[in-house]
Amino acid sequence: MTAASPLRVGLIGYGLAGSVFHAPLIAAAEGLALDTVVTSNPERQAQAEAEFPDVRTVATADELFDRGAELDLVVIASPNRTHVPLATAALKAGLPVVVDKPVAGTAAEARELAALAEERGLLLSVFQNRRWDNDFLTLRKLLAEGALGDAWRFESRFERWRPQPKGGWRESGDPAEIGGLLYDLGSHVVDQALVLFGPATEVYAESVIRRTGAETDDDTFIALTHANGVRSHLHVSATAAQLGPRFRVLGSKAGYVKYGLDPQEDALRKGERPHTTENWGAEPEALHGRVGAGESPVTGGGRAVPTLPGDYPAYYGAVAKALRGEGHNPVTALEAAAALDVLEAARRSARDKVTVTL
């Protein structure tokens, strides 16, 4: 590998995460090249080869690791239960690793992986793409500018209306699958809260199964008390017949209310690509959030705040720089472990009907 040559990436898994998120973002990242896709499904192999004509496909992770000397990074986008064993195998094979969230089922496992990566001197990064959502980037800017004053309360909703379970491992009741909304969408909203407002000291949660035939949580609420006094109220649901605001943030000077979800996932699902789509990550003015005090954003109160474009490609751009020694790991396994501390506490709180102190 020369200084100018792209870093070669092996991608394990070509389901939703691999085909919709990782492969397109890797291909769009400057300095990275998608080299190999691991999937045992012939249809998915054909899909990968059609979408990326230069890619090779193999059926097993072992085949990928056998070619470890030809690769510079392994990305794990396979089902949650495989994250720890595959990440461990990749690190022991001497390969830097990106793991989709959640990196593990427990914070202890995440910290063990972090220790292994540090021992081997290898990058271990966790794909928390929603740190690069348009609304999240905009909120970080507002907070940094002091537009809201001191933040008091953070309300975050990741809600969907899916009254019929879809099945599959993500909705499996088997604990080994690490399914359910708490660890799926909950991984996003908790990570965002911790990035914005720092560590949590108390966790309270309510988690239920509402849909007929569902096996694991599909409607969950998490309340966090942060060390700095901010309170976060986080909602994740597949049973929301009316969607609430994505963000409602209340501060000592003003509040910020934002409806609508970042458009990047929908664009990726439709086959749009960051490097070929004009105005990637931008949203219509009608969805811009509003900042004000004592006014209702529903009736046009406050001032409209243009939403910054979402930027999922920035994650893999940062990974490429980190691998070349030109930047920092964008999401560390220890940060992911801190979020898992909260998720584990939330599961215990909901089960035992207690508030958990961290």
Protein backbone atom coordinates (compact mmCIF):
# COMPACT_ATOMS: atom_id res chain seq x y z
CA MET A 1 0.00 0.00 0.00
CA THR A 2 1.39 3.40 -1.00
CA ALA A 3 0.57 6.64 0.74
CA ALA A 4 -1.93 7.51 -2.00
CA SER A 5 -3.54 4.12 -2.46
CA PRO A 6 -6.99 3.51 -0.96
CA LEU A 7 -7.37 1.40 2.15
CA ARG A 8 -8.98 -1.94 1.31
CA VAL A 9 -12.11 -2.83 3.25
CA GLY A 10 -13.72 -6.19 3.91
CA LEU A 11 -17.43 -5.99 4.79
CA ILE A 12 -19.04 -8.83 6.75
CA GLY A 13 -22.79 -8.92 6.21
CA TYR A 14 -24.93 -7.66 3.35
CA GLY A 15 -28.37 -7.38 4.87
CA LEU A 16 -29.96 -4.05 5.76
CA ALA A 17 -26.93 -2.64 7.57
CA GLY A 18 -24.34 -3.85 5.07
CA SER A 19 -26.13 -3.09 1.82
CA VAL A 20 -28.00 0.12 2.72
CA PHE A 21 -25.53 1.84 5.05
CA HIS A 22 -22.00 0.48 5.08
CA ALA A 23 -21.26 -0.51 1.50
CA PRO A 24 -22.47 2.78 -0.07
CA LEU A 25 -20.75 4.91 2.58
CA ILE A 26 -17.47 2.99 2.28
CA ALA A 27 -17.59 3.34 -1.50
CA ALA A 28 -18.21 7.08 -1.17
CA ALA A 29 -15.40 7.69 1.33
CA GLU A 30 -12.21 9.23 0.06
CA GLY A 31 -9.30 6.92 0.82
CA LEU A 32 -11.34 3.72 1.18
CA ALA A 33 -12.15 0.98 -1.33
CA LEU A 34 -14.71 -1.77 -0.84
CA ASP A 35 -12.70 -4.91 -1.61
CA THR A 36 -14.67 -7.91 -0.33
CA VAL A 37 -18.21 -8.61 0.86
CA VAL A 38 -18.95 -11.62 3.07
CA THR A 39 -22.40 -13.17 2.66
CA SER A 40 -23.47 -16.77 2.23
CA ASN A 41 -26.70 -15.73 0.50
CA PRO A 42 -26.35 -16.15 -3.30
CA GLU A 43 -28.90 -13.40 -3.99
CA ARG A 44 -27.02 -10.96 -1.79
CA GLN A 45 -23.74 -11.96 -3.42
CA ALA A 46 -25.25 -11.16 -6.81
CA GLN A 47 -26.62 -7.88 -5.47
CA ALA A 48 -23.22 -6.83 -4.13
CA GLU A 49 -21.47 -7.72 -7.38
CA ALA A 50 -24.07 -5.81 -9.40
CA GLU A 51 -23.84 -2.70 -7.24
CA PHE A 52 -20.05 -2.77 -6.94
CA PRO A 53 -18.57 -4.47 -10.03
CA ASP A 54 -15.01 -4.47 -8.63
CA VAL A 55 -15.93 -6.19 -5.38
CA ARG A 56 -15.33 -9.85 -4.68
CA THR A 57 -17.71 -11.95 -2.59
CA VAL A 58 -16.98 -14.81 -0.22
CA ALA A 59 -19.31 -16.97 1.84
CA THR A 60 -17.59 -16.97 5.24
CA ALA A 61 -15.66 -14.64 7.52
CA ASP A 62 -12.87 -17.23 7.71
CA GLU A 63 -12.30 -16.79 3.97
CA LEU A 64 -11.95 -13.07 4.59
CA PHE A 65 -9.53 -13.51 7.48
CA ASP A 66 -7.43 -15.89 5.39
CA ARG A 67 -6.77 -12.90 3.14
CA GLY A 68 -6.13 -10.58 6.05
CA ALA A 69 -2.76 -9.45 4.74
CA GLU A 70 -4.53 -7.96 1.70
CA LEU A 71 -6.94 -5.87 3.78
CA ASP A 72 -6.65 -2.70 5.86
CA LEU A 73 -10.03 -2.70 7.64
CA VAL A 74 -12.85 -5.11 8.47
CA VAL A 75 -16.40 -3.79 8.90
CA ILE A 76 -18.86 -5.98 10.82
CA ALA A 77 -22.46 -5.44 9.75
CA SER A 78 -23.79 -8.90 10.59
CA PRO A 79 -26.47 -9.73 13.23
CA ASN A 80 -25.85 -8.39 16.73
CA ARG A 81 -25.04 -11.77 18.29
CA THR A 82 -22.01 -12.10 15.96
CA HIS A 83 -20.44 -8.73 16.72
CA VAL A 84 -18.22 -9.77 19.63
CA PRO A 85 -16.90 -13.06 18.19
CA LEU A 86 -16.24 -11.56 14.75
CA ALA A 87 -14.60 -8.42 16.15
CA THR A 88 -12.44 -10.57 18.40
CA ALA A 89 -11.37 -12.76 15.48
CA ALA A 90 -10.59 -9.75 13.30
CA LEU A 91 -8.51 -8.04 15.97
CA LYS A 92 -6.60 -11.26 16.67
CA ALA A 93 -5.96 -11.50 12.93
CA GLY A 94 -4.30 -8.08 13.14
CA LEU A 95 -7.07 -6.14 11.40
CA PRO A 96 -8.58 -2.79 12.43
CA VAL A 97 -12.33 -3.06 12.91
CA VAL A 98 -15.53 -1.06 12.55
CA VAL A 99 -18.53 -2.68 14.26
CA ASP A 100 -22.14 -1.68 13.77
CA LYS A 101 -24.03 -0.71 16.90
CA PRO A 102 -24.55 -2.17 19.40
CA VAL A 103 -20.93 -3.28 19.52
CA ALA A 104 -21.83 -5.91 22.13
CA GLY A 105 -24.62 -7.12 24.36
CA THR A 106 -22.95 -5.82 27.53
CA ALA A 107 -20.67 -2.99 28.53
CA ALA A 108 -18.19 -5.53 29.92
CA GLU A 109 -17.85 -7.20 26.52
CA ALA A 110 -17.36 -3.81 24.86
CA ARG A 111 -14.58 -2.95 27.30
CA GLU A 112 -12.92 -6.32 26.72
CA LEU A 113 -12.90 -5.61 22.98
CA ALA A 114 -11.49 -2.15 23.62
CA ALA A 115 -8.71 -3.64 25.73
CA LEU A 116 -7.89 -6.19 23.02
CA ALA A 117 -7.71 -3.48 20.37
CA GLU A 118 -5.46 -1.34 22.56
CA GLU A 119 -3.24 -4.33 23.30
CA ARG A 120 -2.87 -5.02 19.57
CA GLY A 121 -2.48 -1.35 18.67
CA LEU A 122 -5.49 -1.50 16.34
CA LEU A 123 -8.41 0.78 15.60
CA LEU A 124 -11.76 -0.37 16.96
CA SER A 125 -14.58 1.98 16.03
CA VAL A 126 -18.35 1.74 16.46
CA PHE A 127 -20.74 2.84 13.72
CA GLN A 128 -22.95 5.42 15.42
CA ASN A 129 -24.05 7.11 12.21
CA ARG A 130 -26.73 9.23 13.85
CA ARG A 131 -24.10 11.49 15.35
CA TRP A 132 -24.11 12.82 11.79
CA ASP A 133 -27.88 13.27 11.49
CA ASN A 134 -28.93 16.70 10.27
CA ASP A 135 -30.94 17.57 13.39
CA PHE A 136 -28.21 16.39 15.75
CA LEU A 137 -25.54 18.46 13.97
CA THR A 138 -27.86 21.48 14.11
CA LEU A 139 -28.60 21.02 17.82
CA ARG A 140 -24.90 20.70 18.66
CA LYS A 141 -24.31 24.00 16.86
CA LEU A 142 -27.14 25.74 18.71
CA LEU A 143 -25.85 24.51 22.07
CA ALA A 144 -22.28 25.54 21.24
CA GLU A 145 -23.47 29.01 20.27
CA GLY A 146 -25.46 29.36 23.50
CA ALA A 147 -28.68 29.95 21.56
CA LEU A 148 -30.71 28.04 24.16
CA GLY A 149 -28.82 29.20 27.24
CA ASP A 150 -28.21 26.47 29.80
CA ALA A 151 -29.81 23.23 28.65
CA TRP A 152 -32.36 21.91 31.13
CA ARG A 153 -34.32 19.16 29.39
CA PHE A 154 -33.64 17.08 26.28
CA GLU A 155 -36.53 15.19 24.70
CA SER A 156 -35.65 12.83 21.86
CA ARG A 157 -38.05 10.60 19.94
CA PHE A 158 -37.25 7.89 17.43
CA GLU A 159 -40.75 6.69 16.68
CA ARG A 160 -42.30 4.61 13.93
CA TRP A 161 -45.74 3.24 13.11
CA ARG A 162 -45.29 -0.47 12.44
CA PRO A 163 -48.35 -2.15 13.94
CA GLN A 164 -47.41 -5.55 12.49
CA PRO A 165 -44.14 -7.19 13.61
CA LYS A 166 -41.71 -7.83 10.76
CA GLY A 167 -40.00 -10.80 12.41
CA GLY A 168 -36.34 -11.67 11.98
CA TRP A 169 -33.54 -11.51 14.50
CA ARG A 170 -34.08 -7.81 15.28
CA GLU A 171 -37.48 -8.68 16.79
CA SER A 172 -36.53 -12.04 18.25
CA GLY A 173 -37.25 -12.75 21.89
CA ASP A 174 -34.08 -14.83 22.21
CA PRO A 175 -31.74 -12.81 24.47
CA ALA A 176 -28.75 -14.12 22.52
CA GLU A 177 -29.93 -12.15 19.46
CA ILE A 178 -29.72 -8.81 21.35
CA GLY A 179 -32.90 -7.69 19.61
CA GLY A 180 -35.63 -5.24 20.57
CA LEU A 181 -35.90 -1.48 20.30
CA LEU A 182 -33.95 -0.77 23.49
CA TYR A 183 -30.73 -2.01 21.90
CA ASP A 184 -31.66 -1.00 18.35
CA LEU A 185 -33.02 2.54 18.27
CA GLY A 186 -32.14 2.97 21.94
CA SER A 187 -28.46 2.71 21.05
CA HIS A 188 -28.88 5.85 18.94
CA VAL A 189 -30.86 8.06 21.29
CA VAL A 190 -28.74 7.17 24.33
CA ASP A 191 -25.49 7.76 22.45
CA GLN A 192 -26.74 11.16 21.27
CA ALA A 193 -27.78 12.16 24.79
CA LEU A 194 -24.39 11.22 26.24
CA VAL A 195 -22.51 13.06 23.49
CA LEU A 196 -24.57 16.20 24.06
CA PHE A 197 -24.78 16.27 27.84
CA GLY A 198 -22.17 13.94 29.26
CA PRO A 199 -22.37 10.93 31.57
CA ALA A 200 -25.59 9.80 33.21
CA THR A 201 -25.87 9.20 36.95
CA GLU A 202 -29.44 7.84 37.15
CA VAL A 203 -31.54 5.77 34.74
CA TYR A 204 -35.27 5.08 34.83
CA ALA A 205 -37.06 3.15 32.07
CA GLU A 206 -40.41 1.73 31.03
CA SER A 207 -40.37 -0.99 28.38
CA VAL A 208 -43.32 -2.97 27.07
CA ILE A 209 -44.41 -5.33 24.31
CA ARG A 210 -47.59 -3.92 22.75
CA ARG A 211 -48.07 -5.64 19.38
CA THR A 212 -49.77 -9.01 19.07
CA GLY A 213 -47.15 -11.60 18.21
CA ALA A 214 -44.19 -9.40 19.14
CA GLU A 215 -41.50 -11.13 21.17
CA THR A 216 -39.43 -8.22 22.47
CA ASP A 217 -39.81 -4.59 23.49
CA ASP A 218 -41.46 -2.36 20.89
CA ASP A 219 -42.31 0.70 23.02
CA THR A 220 -39.69 1.99 25.45
CA PHE A 221 -39.07 5.19 27.42
CA ILE A 222 -35.78 6.07 29.11
CA ALA A 223 -35.20 8.94 31.53
CA LEU A 224 -31.64 9.98 32.29
CA THR A 225 -30.25 12.34 34.88
CA HIS A 226 -26.88 13.59 33.68
CA ALA A 227 -24.05 14.51 36.02
CA ASN A 228 -24.42 18.16 34.97
CA GLY A 229 -28.12 18.20 35.95
CA VAL A 230 -29.64 17.96 32.47
CA ARG A 231 -32.60 15.57 32.22
CA SER A 232 -33.00 13.50 29.05
CA HIS A 233 -36.32 11.88 28.14
CA LEU A 234 -35.82 9.38 25.32
CA HIS A 235 -38.62 7.58 23.46
CA VAL A 236 -38.22 4.69 21.01
CA SER A 237 -41.30 3.04 19.60
CA ALA A 238 -42.69 0.98 16.75
CA THR A 239 -46.24 1.67 17.91
CA ALA A 240 -46.56 5.46 17.58
CA ALA A 241 -49.68 6.18 15.54
CA GLN A 242 -48.88 9.90 15.73
CA LEU A 243 -45.22 10.90 15.66
CA GLY A 244 -43.96 13.45 18.16
CA PRO A 245 -41.13 15.93 17.59
CA ARG A 246 -37.77 14.35 16.89
CA PHE A 247 -36.18 16.82 19.32
CA ARG A 248 -37.61 19.17 21.93
CA VAL A 249 -34.84 20.86 23.89
CA LEU A 250 -35.59 23.33 26.67
CA GLY A 251 -33.03 25.77 28.01
CA SER A 252 -32.78 28.83 30.25
CA LYS A 253 -33.07 31.24 27.29
CA ALA A 254 -35.03 29.37 24.62
CA GLY A 255 -36.21 26.02 23.34
CA TYR A 256 -35.65 24.17 20.08
CA VAL A 257 -38.31 21.96 18.48
CA LYS A 258 -37.61 19.86 15.40
CA TYR A 259 -39.93 17.46 13.57
CA GLY A 260 -39.00 14.89 10.96
CA LEU A 261 -36.22 12.34 10.60
CA ASP A 262 -32.90 12.90 8.86
CA PRO A 263 -33.36 12.06 5.14
CA GLN A 264 -30.18 10.07 4.61
CA GLU A 265 -31.50 6.61 5.46
CA ASP A 266 -34.44 6.99 3.09
CA ALA A 267 -32.11 8.24 0.36
CA LEU A 268 -29.78 5.27 0.81
CA ARG A 269 -32.70 2.84 0.76
CA LYS A 270 -33.84 4.37 -2.54
CA GLY A 271 -30.41 3.78 -4.07
CA GLU A 272 -29.20 7.37 -3.91
CA ARG A 273 -25.50 7.77 -3.16
CA PRO A 274 -23.62 10.57 -1.34
CA HIS A 275 -21.00 11.06 -4.06
CA THR A 276 -23.54 11.28 -6.88
CA THR A 277 -26.49 13.06 -5.23
CA GLU A 278 -26.67 16.85 -5.23
CA ASN A 279 -27.33 18.46 -1.84
CA TRP A 280 -26.81 15.20 0.03
CA GLY A 281 -28.38 15.24 3.50
CA ALA A 282 -30.37 18.45 2.93
CA GLU A 283 -34.05 18.71 3.87
CA PRO A 284 -36.95 20.97 2.82
CA GLU A 285 -37.43 24.30 4.57
CA ALA A 286 -40.79 23.08 5.83
CA LEU A 287 -38.98 20.67 8.16
CA HIS A 288 -36.61 23.23 9.66
CA GLY A 289 -36.80 23.43 13.43
CA ARG A 290 -37.71 26.53 15.39
CA VAL A 291 -36.11 28.33 18.32
CA GLY A 292 -38.15 30.51 20.63
CA ALA A 293 -39.39 31.21 24.15
CA GLY A 294 -43.01 31.20 25.26
CA GLU A 295 -44.24 30.56 21.73
CA SER A 296 -45.69 27.56 19.93
CA PRO A 297 -43.67 26.28 16.96
CA VAL A 298 -46.83 24.59 15.69
CA THR A 299 -48.38 28.00 14.95
CA GLY A 300 -45.14 29.44 13.59
CA GLY A 301 -43.81 30.89 16.82
CA GLY A 302 -40.11 31.49 17.27
CA ARG A 303 -37.58 31.71 14.45
CA ALA A 304 -36.91 29.04 11.89
CA VAL A 305 -33.41 27.56 12.08
CA PRO A 306 -32.04 26.09 8.84
CA THR A 307 -31.09 22.49 9.42
CA LEU A 308 -27.48 21.65 8.64
CA PRO A 309 -27.09 18.91 6.02
CA GLY A 310 -26.71 15.41 7.41
CA ASP A 311 -23.31 13.88 6.77
CA TYR A 312 -23.06 10.10 7.22
CA PRO A 313 -20.03 9.99 4.86
CA ALA A 314 -18.09 11.96 7.49
CA TYR A 315 -17.92 8.86 9.69
CA TYR A 316 -15.95 6.76 7.22
CA GLY A 317 -13.92 9.79 6.19
CA ALA A 318 -12.83 10.07 9.83
CA VAL A 319 -12.10 6.34 10.01
CA ALA A 320 -9.84 6.60 6.95
CA LYS A 321 -7.93 9.50 8.52
CA ALA A 322 -7.59 7.66 11.82
CA LEU A 323 -6.15 4.60 10.05
CA ARG A 324 -3.59 6.81 8.33
CA GLY A 325 -2.64 8.49 11.60
CA GLU A 326 -4.15 11.81 10.50
CA GLY A 327 -7.08 11.98 12.93
CA HIS A 328 -8.89 10.40 15.84
CA ASN A 329 -11.24 7.45 16.09
CA PRO A 330 -14.69 9.03 15.52
CA VAL A 331 -16.52 6.67 17.93
CA THR A 332 -14.53 4.61 20.41
CA ALA A 333 -15.57 1.30 21.94
CA LEU A 334 -15.31 2.90 25.39
CA GLU A 335 -17.89 5.49 24.36
CA ALA A 336 -20.09 2.64 23.18
CA ALA A 337 -19.52 0.87 26.51
CA ALA A 338 -20.79 3.95 28.37
CA ALA A 339 -23.98 3.83 26.30
CA LEU A 340 -24.31 0.12 27.04
CA ASP A 341 -24.02 0.88 30.76
CA VAL A 342 -27.15 3.00 30.31
CA LEU A 343 -28.97 0.41 28.20
CA GLU A 344 -28.27 -2.34 30.73
CA ALA A 345 -29.46 -0.07 33.53
CA ALA A 346 -32.60 0.75 31.52
CA ARG A 347 -33.37 -2.92 31.05
CA ARG A 348 -32.96 -3.53 34.77
CA SER A 349 -35.06 -0.46 35.64
CA ALA A 350 -37.93 -1.55 33.41
CA ARG A 351 -37.80 -5.10 34.69
CA ASP A 352 -37.56 -4.30 38.40
CA LYS A 353 -39.46 -0.99 38.36
CA VAL A 354 -36.62 0.89 40.03
CA THR A 355 -34.38 3.84 39.30
CA VAL A 356 -30.81 2.66 38.76
CA THR A 357 -27.85 4.69 39.95
CA LEU A 358 -24.71 4.43 37.82
